[in-house]
Amino acid sequence: MADYIQVFTTTEKKEDAVRIAKILLEKRLAGCIQIIGPVSSLYWWKGKMEESEEWLCIIKSEKSLYNELEKTIKDNHPYEV
């Protein structure tokens, strides 16, 4: 039996969340992705506290797919980390 995980990521625009979700689903790296938003996010960025509205992606997958899932998100995400 597979071990299942939920992975969370956020995007600034709904369009980016949908685009990333479709890529993950097409690659069979997720079985289901829920997009919720906008949500309020508070975070530190370059030494300053920021607040913004984002779209939350809840990605349901298998633990064995995590490394490829993470790489695919990073390769297709517009945020600078």
PDB file of N, CA and C in Angstrom:
ATOM      1  N   MET A   1       0.839  -1.180   0.000  1.00  0.00           N
ATOM      2  CA  MET A   1       0.000   0.000   0.000  1.00  0.00           C
ATOM      3  C   MET A   1       0.885   1.245   0.000  1.00  0.00           C
ATOM      4  N   ALA A   2       0.543   2.210  -0.810  1.00  0.00           N
ATOM      5  CA  ALA A   2       1.330   3.434  -0.939  1.00  0.00           C
ATOM      6  C   ALA A   2       1.118   4.349   0.267  1.00  0.00           C
ATOM      7  N   ASP A   3       2.152   5.128   0.579  1.00  0.00           N
ATOM      8  CA  ASP A   3       2.034   6.185   1.580  1.00  0.00           C
ATOM      9  C   ASP A   3       1.615   7.452   0.847  1.00  0.00           C
ATOM     10  N   TYR A   4       0.595   8.107   1.347  1.00  0.00           N
ATOM     11  CA  TYR A   4       0.069   9.298   0.689  1.00  0.00           C
ATOM     12  C   TYR A   4       0.503  10.561   1.430  1.00  0.00           C
ATOM     13  N   ILE A   5       0.636  11.647   0.673  1.00  0.00           N
ATOM     14  CA  ILE A   5       1.052  12.932   1.228  1.00  0.00           C
ATOM     15  C   ILE A   5       0.165  14.039   0.676  1.00  0.00           C
ATOM     16  N   GLN A   6       0.182  15.166   1.384  1.00  0.00           N
ATOM     17  CA  GLN A   6      -0.395  16.403   0.879  1.00  0.00           C
ATOM     18  C   GLN A   6       0.722  17.429   0.857  1.00  0.00           C
ATOM     19  N   VAL A   7       0.855  18.106  -0.260  1.00  0.00           N
ATOM     20  CA  VAL A   7       1.875  19.135  -0.439  1.00  0.00           C
ATOM     21  C   VAL A   7       1.138  20.445  -0.684  1.00  0.00           C
ATOM     22  N   PHE A   8       1.626  21.511  -0.066  1.00  0.00           N
ATOM     23  CA  PHE A   8       0.993  22.817  -0.202  1.00  0.00           C
ATOM     24  C   PHE A   8       1.940  23.777  -0.910  1.00  0.00           C
ATOM     25  N   THR A   9       1.403  24.572  -1.810  1.00  0.00           N
ATOM     26  CA  THR A   9       2.148  25.673  -2.397  1.00  0.00           C
ATOM     27  C   THR A   9       1.156  26.793  -2.676  1.00  0.00           C
ATOM     28  N   THR A  10       1.661  28.003  -2.807  1.00  0.00           N
ATOM     29  CA  THR A  10       0.803  29.142  -3.117  1.00  0.00           C
ATOM     30  C   THR A  10       1.317  29.847  -4.361  1.00  0.00           C
ATOM     31  N   THR A  11       0.398  30.551  -5.027  1.00  0.00           N
ATOM     32  CA  THR A  11       0.755  31.363  -6.184  1.00  0.00           C
ATOM     33  C   THR A  11       0.089  32.723  -6.048  1.00  0.00           C
ATOM     34  N   GLU A  12       0.631  33.685  -6.746  1.00  0.00           N
ATOM     35  CA  GLU A  12       0.062  35.032  -6.704  1.00  0.00           C
ATOM     36  C   GLU A  12      -1.226  35.113  -7.522  1.00  0.00           C
ATOM     37  N   LYS A  13      -1.275  34.378  -8.628  1.00  0.00           N
ATOM     38  CA  LYS A  13      -2.419  34.440  -9.543  1.00  0.00           C
ATOM     39  C   LYS A  13      -3.087  33.076  -9.655  1.00  0.00           C
ATOM     40  N   LYS A  14      -4.406  33.089  -9.784  1.00  0.00           N
ATOM     41  CA  LYS A  14      -5.149  31.841  -9.957  1.00  0.00           C
ATOM     42  C   LYS A  14      -4.681  31.113 -11.216  1.00  0.00           C
ATOM     43  N   GLU A  15      -4.398  31.869 -12.267  1.00  0.00           N
ATOM     44  CA  GLU A  15      -3.967  31.265 -13.529  1.00  0.00           C
ATOM     45  C   GLU A  15      -2.699  30.430 -13.341  1.00  0.00           C
ATOM     46  N   ASP A  16      -1.769  30.902 -12.519  1.00  0.00           N
ATOM     47  CA  ASP A  16      -0.541  30.143 -12.250  1.00  0.00           C
ATOM     48  C   ASP A  16      -0.857  28.865 -11.476  1.00  0.00           C
ATOM     49  N   ALA A  17      -1.771  28.955 -10.524  1.00  0.00           N
ATOM     50  CA  ALA A  17      -2.159  27.770  -9.751  1.00  0.00           C
ATOM     51  C   ALA A  17      -2.770  26.711 -10.662  1.00  0.00           C
ATOM     52  N   VAL A  18      -3.648  27.129 -11.556  1.00  0.00           N
ATOM     53  CA  VAL A  18      -4.292  26.196 -12.485  1.00  0.00           C
ATOM     54  C   VAL A  18      -3.265  25.603 -13.439  1.00  0.00           C
ATOM     55  N   ARG A  19      -2.356  26.425 -13.935  1.00  0.00           N
ATOM     56  CA  ARG A  19      -1.324  25.949 -14.872  1.00  0.00           C
ATOM     57  C   ARG A  19      -0.447  24.886 -14.212  1.00  0.00           C
ATOM     58  N   ILE A  20       0.031  25.166 -12.998  1.00  0.00           N
ATOM     59  CA  ILE A  20       0.872  24.202 -12.276  1.00  0.00           C
ATOM     60  C   ILE A  20       0.081  22.930 -11.978  1.00  0.00           C
ATOM     61  N   ALA A  21      -1.165  23.074 -11.571  1.00  0.00           N
ATOM     62  CA  ALA A  21      -2.001  21.904 -11.276  1.00  0.00           C
ATOM     63  C   ALA A  21      -2.145  21.015 -12.507  1.00  0.00           C
ATOM     64  N   LYS A  22      -2.384  21.613 -13.653  1.00  0.00           N
ATOM     65  CA  LYS A  22      -2.542  20.828 -14.886  1.00  0.00           C
ATOM     66  C   LYS A  22      -1.253  20.099 -15.250  1.00  0.00           C
ATOM     67  N   ILE A  23      -0.119  20.759 -15.072  1.00  0.00           N
ATOM     68  CA  ILE A  23       1.173  20.114 -15.358  1.00  0.00           C
ATOM     69  C   ILE A  23       1.364  18.900 -14.450  1.00  0.00           C
ATOM     70  N   LEU A  24       1.100  19.069 -13.166  1.00  0.00           N
ATOM     71  CA  LEU A  24       1.275  17.966 -12.214  1.00  0.00           C
ATOM     72  C   LEU A  24       0.336  16.805 -12.523  1.00  0.00           C
ATOM     73  N   LEU A  25      -0.899  17.123 -12.877  1.00  0.00           N
ATOM     74  CA  LEU A  25      -1.860  16.072 -13.201  1.00  0.00           C
ATOM     75  C   LEU A  25      -1.484  15.361 -14.502  1.00  0.00           C
ATOM     76  N   GLU A  26      -1.070  16.130 -15.514  1.00  0.00           N
ATOM     77  CA  GLU A  26      -0.673  15.524 -16.789  1.00  0.00           C
ATOM     78  C   GLU A  26       0.511  14.578 -16.616  1.00  0.00           C
ATOM     79  N   LYS A  27       1.427  14.924 -15.702  1.00  0.00           N
ATOM     80  CA  LYS A  27       2.595  14.073 -15.446  1.00  0.00           C
ATOM     81  C   LYS A  27       2.278  12.945 -14.461  1.00  0.00           C
ATOM     82  N   ARG A  28       1.030  12.885 -14.004  1.00  0.00           N
ATOM     83  CA  ARG A  28       0.601  11.865 -13.038  1.00  0.00           C
ATOM     84  C   ARG A  28       1.378  11.943 -11.724  1.00  0.00           C
ATOM     85  N   LEU A  29       1.749  13.171 -11.339  1.00  0.00           N
ATOM     86  CA  LEU A  29       2.455  13.384 -10.077  1.00  0.00           C
ATOM     87  C   LEU A  29       1.490  13.679  -8.933  1.00  0.00           C
ATOM     88  N   ALA A  30       0.220  13.842  -9.260  1.00  0.00           N
ATOM     89  CA  ALA A  30      -0.813  14.094  -8.257  1.00  0.00           C
ATOM     90  C   ALA A  30      -2.097  13.416  -8.709  1.00  0.00           C
ATOM     91  N   GLY A  31      -2.883  13.004  -7.736  1.00  0.00           N
ATOM     92  CA  GLY A  31      -4.172  12.413  -8.038  1.00  0.00           C
ATOM     93  C   GLY A  31      -5.299  13.428  -7.982  1.00  0.00           C
ATOM     94  N   CYS A  32      -5.094  14.476  -7.182  1.00  0.00           N
ATOM     95  CA  CYS A  32      -6.107  15.515  -6.998  1.00  0.00           C
ATOM     96  C   CYS A  32      -5.407  16.781  -6.517  1.00  0.00           C
ATOM     97  N   ILE A  33      -5.855  17.916  -7.023  1.00  0.00           N
ATOM     98  CA  ILE A  33      -5.323  19.205  -6.567  1.00  0.00           C
ATOM     99  C   ILE A  33      -6.499  20.142  -6.340  1.00  0.00           C
ATOM    100  N   GLN A  34      -6.562  20.697  -5.152  1.00  0.00           N
ATOM    101  CA  GLN A  34      -7.584  21.680  -4.834  1.00  0.00           C
ATOM    102  C   GLN A  34      -6.939  23.056  -4.827  1.00  0.00           C
ATOM    103  N   ILE A  35      -7.630  24.017  -5.426  1.00  0.00           N
ATOM    104  CA  ILE A  35      -7.148  25.396  -5.469  1.00  0.00           C
ATOM    105  C   ILE A  35      -8.138  26.242  -4.681  1.00  0.00           C
ATOM    106  N   ILE A  36      -7.631  26.900  -3.659  1.00  0.00           N
ATOM    107  CA  ILE A  36      -8.463  27.674  -2.744  1.00  0.00           C
ATOM    108  C   ILE A  36      -7.948  29.112  -2.721  1.00  0.00           C
ATOM    109  N   GLY A  37      -8.865  30.052  -2.739  1.00  0.00           N
ATOM    110  CA  GLY A  37      -8.389  31.416  -2.619  1.00  0.00           C
ATOM    111  C   GLY A  37      -9.415  32.440  -3.064  1.00  0.00           C
ATOM    112  N   PRO A  38      -8.965  33.654  -2.927  1.00  0.00           N
ATOM    113  CA  PRO A  38      -7.654  34.007  -2.386  1.00  0.00           C
ATOM    114  C   PRO A  38      -7.589  33.827  -0.867  1.00  0.00           C
ATOM    115  N   VAL A  39      -6.367  33.579  -0.395  1.00  0.00           N
ATOM    116  CA  VAL A  39      -6.085  33.482   1.034  1.00  0.00           C
ATOM    117  C   VAL A  39      -5.106  34.590   1.400  1.00  0.00           C
ATOM    118  N   SER A  40      -5.132  35.029   2.641  1.00  0.00           N
ATOM    119  CA  SER A  40      -4.192  36.054   3.106  1.00  0.00           C
ATOM    120  C   SER A  40      -2.928  35.386   3.615  1.00  0.00           C
ATOM    121  N   SER A  41      -1.787  35.862   3.149  1.00  0.00           N
ATOM    122  CA  SER A  41      -0.490  35.325   3.574  1.00  0.00           C
ATOM    123  C   SER A  41       0.353  36.447   4.149  1.00  0.00           C
ATOM    124  N   LEU A  42       0.998  36.153   5.272  1.00  0.00           N
ATOM    125  CA  LEU A  42       1.963  37.067   5.868  1.00  0.00           C
ATOM    126  C   LEU A  42       3.278  36.323   5.947  1.00  0.00           C
ATOM    127  N   TYR A  43       4.388  36.992   5.585  1.00  0.00           N
ATOM    128  CA  TYR A  43       5.676  36.307   5.492  1.00  0.00           C
ATOM    129  C   TYR A  43       6.816  37.325   5.505  1.00  0.00           C
ATOM    130  N   TRP A  44       8.013  36.805   5.774  1.00  0.00           N
ATOM    131  CA  TRP A  44       9.218  37.623   5.709  1.00  0.00           C
ATOM    132  C   TRP A  44       9.796  37.520   4.307  1.00  0.00           C
ATOM    133  N   TRP A  45      10.163  38.663   3.720  1.00  0.00           N
ATOM    134  CA  TRP A  45      10.798  38.686   2.408  1.00  0.00           C
ATOM    135  C   TRP A  45      11.835  39.798   2.397  1.00  0.00           C
ATOM    136  N   LYS A  46      13.082  39.405   2.208  1.00  0.00           N
ATOM    137  CA  LYS A  46      14.206  40.345   2.154  1.00  0.00           C
ATOM    138  C   LYS A  46      14.236  41.239   3.387  1.00  0.00           C
ATOM    139  N   GLY A  47      14.048  40.619   4.567  1.00  0.00           N
ATOM    140  CA  GLY A  47      14.158  41.330   5.834  1.00  0.00           C
ATOM    141  C   GLY A  47      12.954  42.172   6.211  1.00  0.00           C
ATOM    142  N   LYS A  48      11.870  42.065   5.457  1.00  0.00           N
ATOM    143  CA  LYS A  48      10.699  42.896   5.703  1.00  0.00           C
ATOM    144  C   LYS A  48       9.450  42.011   5.774  1.00  0.00           C
ATOM    145  N   MET A  49       8.549  42.320   6.710  1.00  0.00           N
ATOM    146  CA  MET A  49       7.301  41.576   6.788  1.00  0.00           C
ATOM    147  C   MET A  49       6.375  42.044   5.668  1.00  0.00           C
ATOM    148  N   GLU A  50       5.835  41.087   4.927  1.00  0.00           N
ATOM    149  CA  GLU A  50       4.949  41.371   3.803  1.00  0.00           C
ATOM    150  C   GLU A  50       3.592  40.724   4.038  1.00  0.00           C
ATOM    151  N   GLU A  51       2.585  41.229   3.352  1.00  0.00           N
ATOM    152  CA  GLU A  51       1.247  40.644   3.375  1.00  0.00           C
ATOM    153  C   GLU A  51       0.698  40.684   1.962  1.00  0.00           C
ATOM    154  N   SER A  52       0.109  39.569   1.528  1.00  0.00           N
ATOM    155  CA  SER A  52      -0.456  39.536   0.181  1.00  0.00           C
ATOM    156  C   SER A  52      -1.579  38.513   0.101  1.00  0.00           C
ATOM    157  N   GLU A  53      -2.334  38.595  -0.983  1.00  0.00           N
ATOM    158  CA  GLU A  53      -3.343  37.585  -1.272  1.00  0.00           C
ATOM    159  C   GLU A  53      -2.743  36.584  -2.238  1.00  0.00           C
ATOM    160  N   GLU A  54      -2.964  35.301  -1.965  1.00  0.00           N
ATOM    161  CA  GLU A  54      -2.421  34.241  -2.804  1.00  0.00           C
ATOM    162  C   GLU A  54      -3.483  33.168  -3.017  1.00  0.00           C
ATOM    163  N   TRP A  55      -3.178  32.252  -3.916  1.00  0.00           N
ATOM    164  CA  TRP A  55      -4.014  31.082  -4.184  1.00  0.00           C
ATOM    165  C   TRP A  55      -3.293  29.867  -3.636  1.00  0.00           C
ATOM    166  N   LEU A  56      -3.985  29.099  -2.803  1.00  0.00           N
ATOM    167  CA  LEU A  56      -3.412  27.930  -2.143  1.00  0.00           C
ATOM    168  C   LEU A  56      -3.726  26.670  -2.943  1.00  0.00           C
ATOM    169  N   CYS A  57      -2.688  25.909  -3.261  1.00  0.00           N
ATOM    170  CA  CYS A  57      -2.845  24.614  -3.926  1.00  0.00           C
ATOM    171  C   CYS A  57      -2.594  23.516  -2.903  1.00  0.00           C
ATOM    172  N   ILE A  58      -3.557  22.631  -2.749  1.00  0.00           N
ATOM    173  CA  ILE A  58      -3.402  21.446  -1.906  1.00  0.00           C
ATOM    174  C   ILE A  58      -3.259  20.270  -2.864  1.00  0.00           C
ATOM    175  N   ILE A  59      -2.068  19.691  -2.880  1.00  0.00           N
ATOM    176  CA  ILE A  59      -1.715  18.665  -3.855  1.00  0.00           C
ATOM    177  C   ILE A  59      -1.683  17.316  -3.149  1.00  0.00           C
ATOM    178  N   LYS A  60      -2.476  16.381  -3.629  1.00  0.00           N
ATOM    179  CA  LYS A  60      -2.548  15.041  -3.037  1.00  0.00           C
ATOM    180  C   LYS A  60      -1.784  14.080  -3.936  1.00  0.00           C
ATOM    181  N   SER A  61      -0.813  13.388  -3.331  1.00  0.00           N
ATOM    182  CA  SER A  61       0.090  12.554  -4.114  1.00  0.00           C
ATOM    183  C   SER A  61       0.574  11.367  -3.282  1.00  0.00           C
ATOM    184  N   GLU A  62       1.518  10.639  -3.853  1.00  0.00           N
ATOM    185  CA  GLU A  62       2.161   9.529  -3.156  1.00  0.00           C
ATOM    186  C   GLU A  62       3.549   9.960  -2.701  1.00  0.00           C
ATOM    187  N   LYS A  63       3.952   9.482  -1.543  1.00  0.00           N
ATOM    188  CA  LYS A  63       5.257   9.842  -0.981  1.00  0.00           C
ATOM    189  C   LYS A  63       6.391   9.523  -1.952  1.00  0.00           C
ATOM    190  N   SER A  64       6.274   8.426  -2.677  1.00  0.00           N
ATOM    191  CA  SER A  64       7.330   8.017  -3.614  1.00  0.00           C
ATOM    192  C   SER A  64       7.502   8.998  -4.774  1.00  0.00           C
ATOM    193  N   LEU A  65       6.527   9.857  -5.016  1.00  0.00           N
ATOM    194  CA  LEU A  65       6.590  10.827  -6.114  1.00  0.00           C
ATOM    195  C   LEU A  65       7.072  12.204  -5.661  1.00  0.00           C
ATOM    196  N   TYR A  66       7.357  12.359  -4.365  1.00  0.00           N
ATOM    197  CA  TYR A  66       7.632  13.693  -3.822  1.00  0.00           C
ATOM    198  C   TYR A  66       8.785  14.414  -4.518  1.00  0.00           C
ATOM    199  N   ASN A  67       9.920  13.769  -4.711  1.00  0.00           N
ATOM    200  CA  ASN A  67      11.075  14.461  -5.290  1.00  0.00           C
ATOM    201  C   ASN A  67      10.764  15.017  -6.673  1.00  0.00           C
ATOM    202  N   GLU A  68      10.115  14.230  -7.512  1.00  0.00           N
ATOM    203  CA  GLU A  68       9.753  14.697  -8.854  1.00  0.00           C
ATOM    204  C   GLU A  68       8.665  15.766  -8.785  1.00  0.00           C
ATOM    205  N   LEU A  69       7.746  15.629  -7.850  1.00  0.00           N
ATOM    206  CA  LEU A  69       6.697  16.625  -7.637  1.00  0.00           C
ATOM    207  C   LEU A  69       7.310  17.971  -7.259  1.00  0.00           C
ATOM    208  N   GLU A  70       8.222  17.958  -6.298  1.00  0.00           N
ATOM    209  CA  GLU A  70       8.886  19.194  -5.861  1.00  0.00           C
ATOM    210  C   GLU A  70       9.658  19.837  -7.006  1.00  0.00           C
ATOM    211  N   LYS A  71      10.406  19.045  -7.748  1.00  0.00           N
ATOM    212  CA  LYS A  71      11.187  19.567  -8.876  1.00  0.00           C
ATOM    213  C   LYS A  71      10.271  20.202  -9.922  1.00  0.00           C
ATOM    214  N   THR A  72       9.170  19.547 -10.223  1.00  0.00           N
ATOM    215  CA  THR A  72       8.244  20.064 -11.231  1.00  0.00           C
ATOM    216  C   THR A  72       7.605  21.371 -10.768  1.00  0.00           C
ATOM    217  N   ILE A  73       7.247  21.458  -9.495  1.00  0.00           N
ATOM    218  CA  ILE A  73       6.702  22.716  -8.972  1.00  0.00           C
ATOM    219  C   ILE A  73       7.746  23.824  -9.097  1.00  0.00           C
ATOM    220  N   LYS A  74       8.972  23.566  -8.646  1.00  0.00           N
ATOM    221  CA  LYS A  74      10.029  24.583  -8.711  1.00  0.00           C
ATOM    222  C   LYS A  74      10.313  25.017 -10.143  1.00  0.00           C
ATOM    223  N   ASP A  75      10.315  24.062 -11.071  1.00  0.00           N
ATOM    224  CA  ASP A  75      10.602  24.376 -12.475  1.00  0.00           C
ATOM    225  C   ASP A  75       9.509  25.214 -13.129  1.00  0.00           C
ATOM    226  N   ASN A  76       8.298  25.184 -12.591  1.00  0.00           N
ATOM    227  CA  ASN A  76       7.161  25.854 -13.225  1.00  0.00           C
ATOM    228  C   ASN A  76       6.549  26.976 -12.398  1.00  0.00           C
ATOM    229  N   HIS A  77       7.113  27.248 -11.230  1.00  0.00           N
ATOM    230  CA  HIS A  77       6.557  28.256 -10.321  1.00  0.00           C
ATOM    231  C   HIS A  77       7.169  29.622 -10.612  1.00  0.00           C
ATOM    232  N   PRO A  78       6.347  30.670 -10.663  1.00  0.00           N
ATOM    233  CA  PRO A  78       6.883  32.008 -10.954  1.00  0.00           C
ATOM    234  C   PRO A  78       7.590  32.684  -9.777  1.00  0.00           C
ATOM    235  N   TYR A  79       7.399  32.195  -8.540  1.00  0.00           N
ATOM    236  CA  TYR A  79       8.004  32.856  -7.387  1.00  0.00           C
ATOM    237  C   TYR A  79       9.515  32.681  -7.365  1.00  0.00           C
ATOM    238  N   GLU A  80      10.189  33.719  -6.913  1.00  0.00           N
ATOM    239  CA  GLU A  80      11.624  33.681  -6.638  1.00  0.00           C
ATOM    240  C   GLU A  80      11.788  33.244  -5.186  1.00  0.00           C
ATOM    241  N   VAL A  81      12.659  32.273  -4.951  1.00  0.00           N
ATOM    242  CA  VAL A  81      12.867  31.798  -3.574  1.00  0.00           C
ATOM    243  C   VAL A  81      14.287  32.088  -3.154  1.00  0.00           C
TER     244      VAL A  81
END
